[in-house]
Amino acid sequence: MIVKKAVNMVRKMDKRVLGVLENMSYLYVPEIDKKIEVFGRSRGEEMARAVRAPLLGQLPIEPEIAKLCDEGNIERYDGEIVARLGESLVQAVSVGVK
């Protein structure tokens, strides 16, 4: 519901929705090499289809991100997810540029 409201607001402002980013999508447990969907199955793809925008990525529940956010230092996070998200965002932006 929140995503749909945000998309409606953006469209009413005559702006383009670049994509959907699913936050807290899963928790990765490296000791057992497993992703756990703490809040139930992912609905990122479904949401992206519903708003006709690409799924840019799925952010995990990441203790390091939370710690850096709490400290006001999120720009110091340097995980693999940042690179993938950056690539997805560049691709989404370049699709609209002609």
N, C-alpha and C. Protein backbone atom coordinates (compact mmCIF):
# COMPACT_ATOMS: atom_id res chain seq x y z
N MET A 1 0.82 -1.18 0.00
CA MET A 1 0.00 0.00 0.00
C MET A 1 0.87 1.25 0.00
N ILE A 2 1.94 1.27 0.75
CA ILE A 2 2.82 2.43 0.83
C ILE A 2 3.50 2.67 -0.52
N VAL A 3 3.95 1.58 -1.15
CA VAL A 3 4.61 1.71 -2.44
C VAL A 3 3.65 2.29 -3.47
N LYS A 4 2.43 1.79 -3.50
CA LYS A 4 1.44 2.28 -4.47
C LYS A 4 1.12 3.75 -4.23
N LYS A 5 1.02 4.15 -2.97
CA LYS A 5 0.78 5.57 -2.66
C LYS A 5 1.94 6.43 -3.14
N ALA A 6 3.15 5.97 -2.89
CA ALA A 6 4.33 6.74 -3.32
C ALA A 6 4.38 6.85 -4.83
N VAL A 7 4.09 5.77 -5.53
CA VAL A 7 4.09 5.80 -7.00
C VAL A 7 3.01 6.74 -7.51
N ASN A 8 1.84 6.70 -6.93
CA ASN A 8 0.77 7.61 -7.34
C ASN A 8 1.18 9.07 -7.14
N MET A 9 1.82 9.37 -6.03
CA MET A 9 2.26 10.74 -5.76
C MET A 9 3.29 11.19 -6.81
N VAL A 10 4.24 10.31 -7.10
CA VAL A 10 5.27 10.64 -8.09
C VAL A 10 4.64 10.89 -9.46
N ARG A 11 3.72 10.06 -9.84
CA ARG A 11 3.07 10.21 -11.15
C ARG A 11 2.21 11.46 -11.20
N LYS A 12 1.55 11.81 -10.10
CA LYS A 12 0.76 13.05 -10.07
C LYS A 12 1.66 14.27 -10.23
N MET A 13 2.90 14.13 -9.81
CA MET A 13 3.87 15.22 -9.96
C MET A 13 4.52 15.18 -11.34
N ASP A 14 4.03 14.27 -12.19
CA ASP A 14 4.52 14.11 -13.55
C ASP A 14 6.01 13.76 -13.60
N LYS A 15 6.41 12.89 -12.68
CA LYS A 15 7.80 12.41 -12.62
C LYS A 15 7.81 10.93 -12.98
N ARG A 16 8.97 10.46 -13.35
CA ARG A 16 9.14 9.06 -13.73
C ARG A 16 9.56 8.22 -12.52
N VAL A 17 8.98 7.05 -12.39
CA VAL A 17 9.39 6.10 -11.35
C VAL A 17 10.55 5.31 -11.94
N LEU A 18 11.73 5.44 -11.33
CA LEU A 18 12.91 4.77 -11.85
C LEU A 18 12.89 3.27 -11.57
N GLY A 19 12.29 2.89 -10.44
CA GLY A 19 12.25 1.48 -10.12
C GLY A 19 11.84 1.26 -8.67
N VAL A 20 11.78 0.00 -8.32
CA VAL A 20 11.39 -0.43 -6.98
C VAL A 20 12.62 -1.02 -6.29
N LEU A 21 12.82 -0.63 -5.05
CA LEU A 21 13.90 -1.17 -4.23
C LEU A 21 13.26 -1.77 -2.98
N GLU A 22 13.40 -3.07 -2.83
CA GLU A 22 12.79 -3.76 -1.69
C GLU A 22 13.75 -3.73 -0.51
N ASN A 23 13.34 -3.09 0.56
CA ASN A 23 14.15 -2.97 1.76
C ASN A 23 13.84 -4.11 2.73
N MET A 24 14.83 -4.55 3.47
CA MET A 24 14.70 -5.63 4.45
C MET A 24 14.09 -6.87 3.81
N SER A 25 14.55 -7.17 2.61
CA SER A 25 14.01 -8.27 1.81
C SER A 25 14.30 -9.63 2.43
N TYR A 26 15.48 -9.76 3.02
CA TYR A 26 15.89 -11.05 3.59
C TYR A 26 17.03 -10.83 4.57
N LEU A 27 17.34 -11.86 5.30
CA LEU A 27 18.49 -11.89 6.20
C LEU A 27 19.40 -12.99 5.69
N TYR A 28 20.64 -12.64 5.39
CA TYR A 28 21.60 -13.65 4.94
C TYR A 28 22.41 -14.12 6.14
N VAL A 29 22.46 -15.45 6.33
CA VAL A 29 23.22 -16.06 7.42
C VAL A 29 24.41 -16.78 6.80
N PRO A 30 25.59 -16.14 6.84
CA PRO A 30 26.75 -16.73 6.15
C PRO A 30 27.20 -18.08 6.71
N GLU A 31 27.00 -18.30 8.01
CA GLU A 31 27.45 -19.57 8.61
C GLU A 31 26.75 -20.78 8.00
N ILE A 32 25.55 -20.60 7.51
CA ILE A 32 24.83 -21.71 6.88
C ILE A 32 24.54 -21.42 5.41
N ASP A 33 25.09 -20.30 4.90
CA ASP A 33 24.92 -19.90 3.50
C ASP A 33 23.45 -19.94 3.09
N LYS A 34 22.62 -19.21 3.86
CA LYS A 34 21.18 -19.24 3.60
C LYS A 34 20.57 -17.85 3.73
N LYS A 35 19.61 -17.58 2.83
CA LYS A 35 18.81 -16.36 2.92
C LYS A 35 17.50 -16.73 3.60
N ILE A 36 17.14 -15.96 4.62
CA ILE A 36 15.89 -16.20 5.34
C ILE A 36 14.99 -14.99 5.11
N GLU A 37 13.79 -15.24 4.63
CA GLU A 37 12.82 -14.17 4.40
C GLU A 37 12.05 -13.94 5.70
N VAL A 38 12.61 -13.10 6.55
CA VAL A 38 12.10 -12.86 7.89
C VAL A 38 10.65 -12.36 7.87
N PHE A 39 10.31 -11.52 6.91
CA PHE A 39 8.97 -10.92 6.85
C PHE A 39 8.08 -11.60 5.83
N GLY A 40 8.37 -12.85 5.51
CA GLY A 40 7.57 -13.58 4.51
C GLY A 40 8.21 -13.48 3.14
N ARG A 41 7.58 -14.13 2.19
CA ARG A 41 8.17 -14.18 0.85
C ARG A 41 8.30 -12.79 0.25
N SER A 42 9.29 -12.64 -0.56
CA SER A 42 9.56 -11.37 -1.23
C SER A 42 8.39 -11.00 -2.14
N ARG A 43 8.06 -9.73 -2.15
CA ARG A 43 7.01 -9.23 -3.05
C ARG A 43 7.57 -8.13 -3.96
N GLY A 44 8.91 -8.05 -4.03
CA GLY A 44 9.55 -7.02 -4.83
C GLY A 44 9.19 -7.11 -6.30
N GLU A 45 9.30 -8.28 -6.88
CA GLU A 45 8.97 -8.47 -8.31
C GLU A 45 7.51 -8.14 -8.57
N GLU A 46 6.66 -8.63 -7.70
CA GLU A 46 5.22 -8.39 -7.82
C GLU A 46 4.92 -6.88 -7.77
N MET A 47 5.54 -6.19 -6.84
CA MET A 47 5.33 -4.76 -6.70
C MET A 47 5.84 -4.01 -7.92
N ALA A 48 7.00 -4.42 -8.42
CA ALA A 48 7.58 -3.78 -9.61
C ALA A 48 6.65 -3.94 -10.81
N ARG A 49 6.11 -5.13 -10.99
CA ARG A 49 5.14 -5.34 -12.09
C ARG A 49 3.91 -4.48 -11.90
N ALA A 50 3.42 -4.40 -10.67
CA ALA A 50 2.20 -3.64 -10.39
C ALA A 50 2.35 -2.16 -10.72
N VAL A 51 3.54 -1.62 -10.51
CA VAL A 51 3.75 -0.19 -10.77
C VAL A 51 4.48 0.04 -12.11
N ARG A 52 4.68 -1.05 -12.86
CA ARG A 52 5.30 -0.99 -14.19
C ARG A 52 6.67 -0.29 -14.14
N ALA A 53 7.50 -0.80 -13.26
CA ALA A 53 8.85 -0.27 -13.10
C ALA A 53 9.78 -1.45 -12.81
N PRO A 54 11.06 -1.31 -13.13
CA PRO A 54 11.98 -2.42 -12.85
C PRO A 54 12.25 -2.60 -11.36
N LEU A 55 12.56 -3.82 -10.98
CA LEU A 55 13.02 -4.09 -9.62
C LEU A 55 14.51 -3.79 -9.61
N LEU A 56 14.90 -2.73 -8.93
CA LEU A 56 16.30 -2.30 -8.91
C LEU A 56 17.16 -3.18 -8.00
N GLY A 57 16.56 -3.71 -6.95
CA GLY A 57 17.32 -4.55 -6.05
C GLY A 57 16.55 -4.90 -4.81
N GLN A 58 17.14 -5.76 -4.03
CA GLN A 58 16.56 -6.22 -2.78
C GLN A 58 17.61 -6.06 -1.69
N LEU A 59 17.37 -5.12 -0.81
CA LEU A 59 18.33 -4.87 0.28
C LEU A 59 18.09 -5.86 1.41
N PRO A 60 19.15 -6.48 1.88
CA PRO A 60 19.00 -7.41 3.00
C PRO A 60 18.93 -6.67 4.33
N ILE A 61 18.52 -7.39 5.33
CA ILE A 61 18.67 -6.90 6.70
C ILE A 61 20.15 -7.06 6.99
N GLU A 62 20.84 -5.97 7.17
CA GLU A 62 22.30 -5.99 7.27
C GLU A 62 22.71 -5.20 8.49
N PRO A 63 23.20 -5.87 9.53
CA PRO A 63 23.59 -5.18 10.75
C PRO A 63 24.57 -4.03 10.52
N GLU A 64 25.48 -4.18 9.58
CA GLU A 64 26.46 -3.13 9.31
C GLU A 64 25.78 -1.87 8.76
N ILE A 65 24.79 -2.06 7.90
CA ILE A 65 24.04 -0.91 7.37
C ILE A 65 23.32 -0.20 8.51
N ALA A 66 22.66 -0.96 9.37
CA ALA A 66 21.94 -0.37 10.50
C ALA A 66 22.88 0.41 11.40
N LYS A 67 24.03 -0.16 11.69
CA LYS A 67 25.02 0.51 12.55
C LYS A 67 25.47 1.82 11.93
N LEU A 68 25.82 1.79 10.66
CA LEU A 68 26.28 3.01 9.99
C LEU A 68 25.17 4.06 9.89
N CYS A 69 23.94 3.63 9.66
CA CYS A 69 22.81 4.57 9.64
C CYS A 69 22.65 5.24 10.99
N ASP A 70 22.71 4.44 12.04
CA ASP A 70 22.57 4.99 13.40
C ASP A 70 23.66 6.01 13.71
N GLU A 71 24.84 5.78 13.15
CA GLU A 71 25.97 6.69 13.38
C GLU A 71 25.95 7.89 12.43
N GLY A 72 25.06 7.86 11.44
CA GLY A 72 25.03 8.92 10.43
C GLY A 72 26.14 8.78 9.41
N ASN A 73 26.60 7.55 9.21
CA ASN A 73 27.73 7.31 8.30
C ASN A 73 27.41 6.30 7.21
N ILE A 74 26.19 6.28 6.72
CA ILE A 74 25.80 5.27 5.73
C ILE A 74 26.68 5.30 4.49
N GLU A 75 27.22 6.47 4.15
CA GLU A 75 28.07 6.57 2.95
C GLU A 75 29.35 5.74 3.07
N ARG A 76 29.66 5.28 4.25
CA ARG A 76 30.85 4.43 4.46
C ARG A 76 30.60 2.96 4.15
N TYR A 77 29.33 2.58 3.95
CA TYR A 77 29.02 1.18 3.64
C TYR A 77 29.56 0.83 2.27
N ASP A 78 30.24 -0.29 2.18
CA ASP A 78 30.86 -0.68 0.92
C ASP A 78 30.65 -2.17 0.67
N GLY A 79 29.40 -2.58 0.64
CA GLY A 79 29.10 -3.98 0.38
C GLY A 79 28.80 -4.20 -1.09
N GLU A 80 28.76 -5.44 -1.48
CA GLU A 80 28.49 -5.83 -2.87
C GLU A 80 27.13 -5.30 -3.34
N ILE A 81 26.18 -5.24 -2.43
CA ILE A 81 24.84 -4.79 -2.78
C ILE A 81 24.86 -3.36 -3.33
N VAL A 82 25.78 -2.53 -2.84
CA VAL A 82 25.87 -1.15 -3.29
C VAL A 82 26.27 -1.11 -4.76
N ALA A 83 27.22 -1.91 -5.15
CA ALA A 83 27.66 -1.94 -6.55
C ALA A 83 26.53 -2.42 -7.46
N ARG A 84 25.84 -3.48 -7.04
CA ARG A 84 24.73 -4.00 -7.86
C ARG A 84 23.61 -2.98 -7.97
N LEU A 85 23.30 -2.32 -6.87
CA LEU A 85 22.24 -1.31 -6.87
C LEU A 85 22.63 -0.14 -7.77
N GLY A 86 23.88 0.27 -7.68
CA GLY A 86 24.36 1.36 -8.53
C GLY A 86 24.22 1.01 -10.00
N GLU A 87 24.58 -0.20 -10.38
CA GLU A 87 24.46 -0.65 -11.76
C GLU A 87 23.00 -0.65 -12.21
N SER A 88 22.11 -1.13 -11.35
CA SER A 88 20.68 -1.16 -11.68
C SER A 88 20.13 0.25 -11.86
N LEU A 89 20.55 1.15 -11.00
CA LEU A 89 20.07 2.52 -11.07
C LEU A 89 20.58 3.22 -12.34
N VAL A 90 21.83 3.03 -12.68
CA VAL A 90 22.38 3.62 -13.91
C VAL A 90 21.62 3.08 -15.12
N GLN A 91 21.34 1.80 -15.13
CA GLN A 91 20.59 1.20 -16.23
C GLN A 91 19.18 1.79 -16.32
N ALA A 92 18.50 1.93 -15.18
CA ALA A 92 17.15 2.48 -15.17
C ALA A 92 17.11 3.91 -15.65
N VAL A 93 18.10 4.71 -15.24
CA VAL A 93 18.16 6.10 -15.65
C VAL A 93 18.46 6.21 -17.14
N SER A 94 19.38 5.39 -17.64
CA SER A 94 19.78 5.48 -19.04
C SER A 94 18.68 5.01 -19.99
N VAL A 95 17.75 4.19 -19.53
CA VAL A 95 16.63 3.76 -20.35
C VAL A 95 15.77 4.96 -20.76
N GLY A 96 15.61 5.90 -19.86
CA GLY A 96 14.78 7.07 -20.13
C GLY A 96 15.49 8.19 -20.86
N VAL A 97 16.81 8.07 -21.03
CA VAL A 97 17.59 9.12 -21.70
C VAL A 97 17.80 8.71 -23.15
N LYS A 98 17.41 9.59 -24.04
CA LYS A 98 17.57 9.28 -25.49
C LYS A 98 18.23 10.40 -26.20
